[in-house]
Amino acid sequence: MGENNSGGDKFLYFLAGAGIGAVLSLLFAPKSGRETRELLARTASDSREFITSKVSEGKQFVGDTTRKVTDDFSSFVDRSKDALNRQKEQLAAAFEAGKAAYKSEKEVSEQ
């Protein structure tokens, strides 16, 4: 039975392998324990700052996109209402013209 691994699973395996490789490289690094811990702390801090900035950028993008979509939708609804009102007015005018023409023809035929 073959299993279908999605691209997400492969990416997780890649990350796990990269993490294990990073840990092994640190264990066998020629630096002292203190230097290695400082390097790990600095790298973790840099990573946290990077992720925080990317999350902020993502939130900003989502907010801007949501605002734009909302504005576009509101504009579409307003234009649709205007078009519907114009159609209603035209239909009412056509109906009234038809009634007037009917009355006029009826009066002419009764005479």
N, C-alpha and C. Protein backbone atom coordinates (compact mmCIF):
# COMPACT_ATOMS: atom_id res chain seq x y z
N MET A 1 0.84 -1.17 0.00
CA MET A 1 0.00 0.00 0.00
C MET A 1 0.89 1.24 0.00
N GLY A 2 0.67 2.09 -0.98
CA GLY A 2 1.46 3.31 -1.05
C GLY A 2 0.78 4.43 -0.31
N GLU A 3 1.59 5.20 0.36
CA GLU A 3 1.07 6.36 1.06
C GLU A 3 1.33 7.60 0.23
N ASN A 4 0.38 8.47 0.21
CA ASN A 4 0.57 9.76 -0.45
C ASN A 4 1.03 10.77 0.57
N ASN A 5 2.27 11.20 0.45
CA ASN A 5 2.77 12.26 1.33
C ASN A 5 2.54 13.58 0.64
N SER A 6 1.84 14.45 1.31
CA SER A 6 1.60 15.76 0.72
C SER A 6 2.88 16.58 0.80
N GLY A 7 2.88 17.70 0.09
CA GLY A 7 4.03 18.59 0.13
C GLY A 7 4.30 19.11 1.52
N GLY A 8 3.24 19.27 2.31
CA GLY A 8 3.41 19.76 3.69
C GLY A 8 4.15 18.75 4.55
N ASP A 9 3.84 17.45 4.35
CA ASP A 9 4.55 16.42 5.10
C ASP A 9 6.03 16.41 4.75
N LYS A 10 6.33 16.53 3.47
CA LYS A 10 7.73 16.53 3.03
C LYS A 10 8.47 17.73 3.61
N PHE A 11 7.79 18.87 3.67
CA PHE A 11 8.41 20.06 4.22
C PHE A 11 8.69 19.87 5.71
N LEU A 12 7.76 19.24 6.43
CA LEU A 12 7.97 18.98 7.86
C LEU A 12 9.15 18.03 8.07
N TYR A 13 9.26 17.02 7.21
CA TYR A 13 10.41 16.11 7.29
C TYR A 13 11.71 16.85 7.02
N PHE A 14 11.67 17.74 6.06
CA PHE A 14 12.85 18.55 5.75
C PHE A 14 13.25 19.39 6.95
N LEU A 15 12.25 20.06 7.56
CA LEU A 15 12.55 20.89 8.74
C LEU A 15 13.09 20.06 9.89
N ALA A 16 12.50 18.88 10.10
CA ALA A 16 12.98 18.01 11.17
C ALA A 16 14.42 17.60 10.91
N GLY A 17 14.73 17.24 9.68
CA GLY A 17 16.10 16.86 9.32
C GLY A 17 17.07 18.02 9.48
N ALA A 18 16.63 19.20 9.08
CA ALA A 18 17.48 20.38 9.23
C ALA A 18 17.73 20.68 10.70
N GLY A 19 16.70 20.53 11.52
CA GLY A 19 16.86 20.76 12.96
C GLY A 19 17.81 19.76 13.59
N ILE A 20 17.66 18.50 13.24
CA ILE A 20 18.57 17.47 13.78
C ILE A 20 19.99 17.74 13.32
N GLY A 21 20.16 18.12 12.05
CA GLY A 21 21.49 18.45 11.55
C GLY A 21 22.09 19.64 12.27
N ALA A 22 21.27 20.63 12.56
CA ALA A 22 21.76 21.81 13.27
C ALA A 22 22.21 21.45 14.69
N VAL A 23 21.42 20.62 15.36
CA VAL A 23 21.78 20.20 16.72
C VAL A 23 23.07 19.40 16.71
N LEU A 24 23.21 18.47 15.78
CA LEU A 24 24.44 17.67 15.69
C LEU A 24 25.64 18.54 15.37
N SER A 25 25.46 19.51 14.48
CA SER A 25 26.60 20.38 14.15
C SER A 25 27.01 21.21 15.35
N LEU A 26 26.05 21.61 16.18
CA LEU A 26 26.40 22.36 17.38
C LEU A 26 27.11 21.49 18.40
N LEU A 27 26.70 20.22 18.50
CA LEU A 27 27.34 19.32 19.46
C LEU A 27 28.80 19.06 19.11
N PHE A 28 29.07 19.02 17.83
CA PHE A 28 30.44 18.73 17.39
C PHE A 28 31.20 19.98 16.97
N ALA A 29 30.68 21.15 17.28
CA ALA A 29 31.32 22.40 16.93
C ALA A 29 32.56 22.61 17.78
N PRO A 30 33.56 23.30 17.24
CA PRO A 30 34.81 23.54 17.99
C PRO A 30 34.69 24.66 19.02
N LYS A 31 33.50 25.19 19.24
CA LYS A 31 33.33 26.29 20.19
C LYS A 31 33.06 25.72 21.58
N SER A 32 33.28 26.57 22.57
CA SER A 32 33.01 26.15 23.95
C SER A 32 31.51 26.14 24.20
N GLY A 33 31.12 25.55 25.31
CA GLY A 33 29.70 25.49 25.67
C GLY A 33 29.09 26.87 25.81
N ARG A 34 29.82 27.78 26.44
CA ARG A 34 29.31 29.13 26.63
C ARG A 34 29.10 29.82 25.29
N GLU A 35 30.07 29.72 24.40
CA GLU A 35 29.94 30.34 23.07
C GLU A 35 28.76 29.74 22.31
N THR A 36 28.62 28.44 22.43
CA THR A 36 27.52 27.76 21.73
C THR A 36 26.18 28.21 22.29
N ARG A 37 26.07 28.31 23.62
CA ARG A 37 24.82 28.78 24.22
C ARG A 37 24.50 30.21 23.81
N GLU A 38 25.53 31.07 23.77
CA GLU A 38 25.33 32.45 23.34
C GLU A 38 24.88 32.51 21.89
N LEU A 39 25.50 31.67 21.06
CA LEU A 39 25.11 31.61 19.66
C LEU A 39 23.66 31.15 19.53
N LEU A 40 23.28 30.13 20.29
CA LEU A 40 21.90 29.63 20.26
C LEU A 40 20.92 30.71 20.73
N ALA A 41 21.27 31.39 21.81
CA ALA A 41 20.39 32.44 22.34
C ALA A 41 20.24 33.58 21.33
N ARG A 42 21.35 33.97 20.72
CA ARG A 42 21.32 35.06 19.73
C ARG A 42 20.50 34.64 18.51
N THR A 43 20.70 33.41 18.06
CA THR A 43 19.94 32.92 16.90
C THR A 43 18.46 32.82 17.22
N ALA A 44 18.12 32.36 18.41
CA ALA A 44 16.71 32.26 18.81
C ALA A 44 16.09 33.65 18.87
N SER A 45 16.81 34.62 19.42
CA SER A 45 16.31 35.98 19.52
C SER A 45 16.09 36.59 18.12
N ASP A 46 17.09 36.39 17.25
CA ASP A 46 16.95 36.90 15.88
C ASP A 46 15.77 36.25 15.18
N SER A 47 15.60 34.95 15.37
CA SER A 47 14.48 34.23 14.74
C SER A 47 13.15 34.73 15.27
N ARG A 48 13.08 34.96 16.57
CA ARG A 48 11.85 35.45 17.17
C ARG A 48 11.50 36.84 16.62
N GLU A 49 12.50 37.71 16.50
CA GLU A 49 12.27 39.05 15.95
C GLU A 49 11.82 38.96 14.49
N PHE A 50 12.44 38.06 13.72
CA PHE A 50 12.08 37.89 12.31
C PHE A 50 10.63 37.42 12.19
N ILE A 51 10.27 36.41 12.98
CA ILE A 51 8.92 35.87 12.92
C ILE A 51 7.90 36.92 13.37
N THR A 52 8.24 37.66 14.43
CA THR A 52 7.34 38.72 14.91
C THR A 52 7.11 39.77 13.83
N SER A 53 8.17 40.16 13.14
CA SER A 53 8.02 41.17 12.08
C SER A 53 7.19 40.62 10.92
N LYS A 54 7.39 39.35 10.58
CA LYS A 54 6.61 38.76 9.48
C LYS A 54 5.14 38.62 9.86
N VAL A 55 4.87 38.28 11.11
CA VAL A 55 3.48 38.19 11.56
C VAL A 55 2.84 39.58 11.51
N SER A 56 3.56 40.61 11.92
CA SER A 56 3.03 41.98 11.85
C SER A 56 2.76 42.38 10.41
N GLU A 57 3.69 42.05 9.52
CA GLU A 57 3.48 42.35 8.10
C GLU A 57 2.25 41.61 7.58
N GLY A 58 2.10 40.36 7.97
CA GLY A 58 0.93 39.57 7.55
C GLY A 58 -0.37 40.17 8.05
N LYS A 59 -0.38 40.58 9.31
CA LYS A 59 -1.59 41.21 9.86
C LYS A 59 -1.91 42.49 9.12
N GLN A 60 -0.90 43.29 8.83
CA GLN A 60 -1.09 44.54 8.10
C GLN A 60 -1.66 44.25 6.71
N PHE A 61 -1.10 43.26 6.03
CA PHE A 61 -1.58 42.89 4.69
C PHE A 61 -3.03 42.43 4.73
N VAL A 62 -3.35 41.58 5.69
CA VAL A 62 -4.73 41.09 5.81
C VAL A 62 -5.67 42.24 6.12
N GLY A 63 -5.27 43.13 7.01
CA GLY A 63 -6.11 44.29 7.34
C GLY A 63 -6.34 45.18 6.13
N ASP A 64 -5.26 45.47 5.39
CA ASP A 64 -5.39 46.31 4.19
C ASP A 64 -6.27 45.65 3.15
N THR A 65 -6.07 44.36 2.93
CA THR A 65 -6.85 43.63 1.94
C THR A 65 -8.31 43.57 2.34
N THR A 66 -8.57 43.32 3.61
CA THR A 66 -9.96 43.26 4.10
C THR A 66 -10.64 44.60 3.92
N ARG A 67 -9.92 45.67 4.25
CA ARG A 67 -10.48 47.02 4.11
C ARG A 67 -10.79 47.30 2.63
N LYS A 68 -9.88 46.93 1.74
CA LYS A 68 -10.09 47.17 0.31
C LYS A 68 -11.28 46.37 -0.21
N VAL A 69 -11.36 45.10 0.18
CA VAL A 69 -12.48 44.26 -0.27
C VAL A 69 -13.79 44.81 0.26
N THR A 70 -13.81 45.23 1.51
CA THR A 70 -15.02 45.79 2.10
C THR A 70 -15.45 47.06 1.37
N ASP A 71 -14.47 47.93 1.08
CA ASP A 71 -14.79 49.16 0.35
C ASP A 71 -15.31 48.85 -1.05
N ASP A 72 -14.64 47.91 -1.73
CA ASP A 72 -15.08 47.53 -3.07
C ASP A 72 -16.48 46.94 -3.04
N PHE A 73 -16.76 46.10 -2.05
CA PHE A 73 -18.08 45.48 -1.95
C PHE A 73 -19.14 46.53 -1.67
N SER A 74 -18.85 47.46 -0.78
CA SER A 74 -19.80 48.53 -0.47
C SER A 74 -20.09 49.36 -1.72
N SER A 75 -19.05 49.66 -2.47
CA SER A 75 -19.22 50.42 -3.71
C SER A 75 -20.07 49.64 -4.70
N PHE A 76 -19.83 48.34 -4.80
CA PHE A 76 -20.62 47.49 -5.69
C PHE A 76 -22.08 47.47 -5.27
N VAL A 77 -22.34 47.36 -3.99
CA VAL A 77 -23.71 47.34 -3.49
C VAL A 77 -24.40 48.67 -3.79
N ASP A 78 -23.69 49.77 -3.57
CA ASP A 78 -24.27 51.09 -3.86
C ASP A 78 -24.60 51.24 -5.34
N ARG A 79 -23.66 50.83 -6.20
CA ARG A 79 -23.92 50.92 -7.65
C ARG A 79 -25.08 50.03 -8.05
N SER A 80 -25.16 48.84 -7.44
CA SER A 80 -26.26 47.91 -7.76
C SER A 80 -27.60 48.50 -7.34
N LYS A 81 -27.65 49.12 -6.17
CA LYS A 81 -28.89 49.75 -5.71
C LYS A 81 -29.30 50.86 -6.65
N ASP A 82 -28.33 51.68 -7.08
CA ASP A 82 -28.65 52.77 -8.01
C ASP A 82 -29.20 52.21 -9.32
N ALA A 83 -28.56 51.18 -9.84
CA ALA A 83 -29.03 50.58 -11.10
C ALA A 83 -30.43 49.99 -10.92
N LEU A 84 -30.68 49.34 -9.80
CA LEU A 84 -32.00 48.76 -9.54
C LEU A 84 -33.07 49.86 -9.45
N ASN A 85 -32.75 50.96 -8.78
CA ASN A 85 -33.70 52.07 -8.69
C ASN A 85 -33.99 52.67 -10.07
N ARG A 86 -32.94 52.82 -10.90
CA ARG A 86 -33.17 53.34 -12.25
C ARG A 86 -34.07 52.39 -13.05
N GLN A 87 -33.85 51.09 -12.92
CA GLN A 87 -34.68 50.12 -13.63
C GLN A 87 -36.12 50.17 -13.15
N LYS A 88 -36.29 50.32 -11.83
CA LYS A 88 -37.65 50.42 -11.28
C LYS A 88 -38.35 51.67 -11.81
N GLU A 89 -37.63 52.78 -11.86
CA GLU A 89 -38.21 54.03 -12.37
C GLU A 89 -38.58 53.89 -13.84
N GLN A 90 -37.70 53.26 -14.62
CA GLN A 90 -37.99 53.07 -16.04
C GLN A 90 -39.19 52.15 -16.24
N LEU A 91 -39.26 51.10 -15.44
CA LEU A 91 -40.39 50.17 -15.54
C LEU A 91 -41.69 50.87 -15.16
N ALA A 92 -41.65 51.66 -14.09
CA ALA A 92 -42.85 52.39 -13.66
C ALA A 92 -43.28 53.38 -14.75
N ALA A 93 -42.31 54.08 -15.35
CA ALA A 93 -42.62 55.03 -16.41
C ALA A 93 -43.21 54.30 -17.62
N ALA A 94 -42.65 53.17 -17.98
CA ALA A 94 -43.18 52.40 -19.12
C ALA A 94 -44.58 51.89 -18.81
N PHE A 95 -44.80 51.45 -17.60
CA PHE A 95 -46.13 50.97 -17.20
C PHE A 95 -47.15 52.10 -17.29
N GLU A 96 -46.79 53.27 -16.78
CA GLU A 96 -47.69 54.43 -16.83
C GLU A 96 -47.95 54.84 -18.27
N ALA A 97 -46.94 54.81 -19.11
CA ALA A 97 -47.13 55.15 -20.52
C ALA A 97 -48.06 54.14 -21.19
N GLY A 98 -47.92 52.87 -20.84
CA GLY A 98 -48.80 51.84 -21.38
C GLY A 98 -50.24 52.06 -20.95
N LYS A 99 -50.43 52.40 -19.67
CA LYS A 99 -51.78 52.67 -19.17
C LYS A 99 -52.40 53.86 -19.90
N ALA A 100 -51.60 54.92 -20.08
CA ALA A 100 -52.10 56.12 -20.76
C ALA A 100 -52.47 55.80 -22.21
N ALA A 101 -51.63 55.01 -22.88
CA ALA A 101 -51.91 54.64 -24.27
C ALA A 101 -53.17 53.78 -24.34
N TYR A 102 -53.35 52.89 -23.38
CA TYR A 102 -54.55 52.05 -23.36
C TYR A 102 -55.80 52.90 -23.18
N LYS A 103 -55.74 53.84 -22.22
CA LYS A 103 -56.90 54.72 -21.98
C LYS A 103 -57.20 55.55 -23.22
N SER A 104 -56.16 56.06 -23.85
CA SER A 104 -56.34 56.87 -25.04
C SER A 104 -56.98 56.07 -26.15
N GLU A 105 -56.52 54.86 -26.39
CA GLU A 105 -57.09 54.01 -27.43
C GLU A 105 -58.51 53.59 -27.08
N LYS A 106 -58.77 53.37 -25.82
CA LYS A 106 -60.11 52.97 -25.39
C LYS A 106 -61.09 54.11 -25.63
N GLU A 107 -60.67 55.35 -25.33
CA GLU A 107 -61.54 56.52 -25.55
C GLU A 107 -61.80 56.72 -27.04
N VAL A 108 -60.77 56.52 -27.86
CA VAL A 108 -60.93 56.68 -29.30
C VAL A 108 -61.87 55.62 -29.85
N SER A 109 -61.76 54.38 -29.39
CA SER A 109 -62.60 53.30 -29.91
C SER A 109 -64.04 53.42 -29.40
N GLU A 110 -64.27 54.05 -28.27
CA GLU A 110 -65.64 54.23 -27.75
C GLU A 110 -66.38 55.34 -28.46
N GLN A 111 -65.71 56.19 -29.12
CA GLN A 111 -66.39 57.33 -29.77
C GLN A 111 -66.95 56.97 -31.09
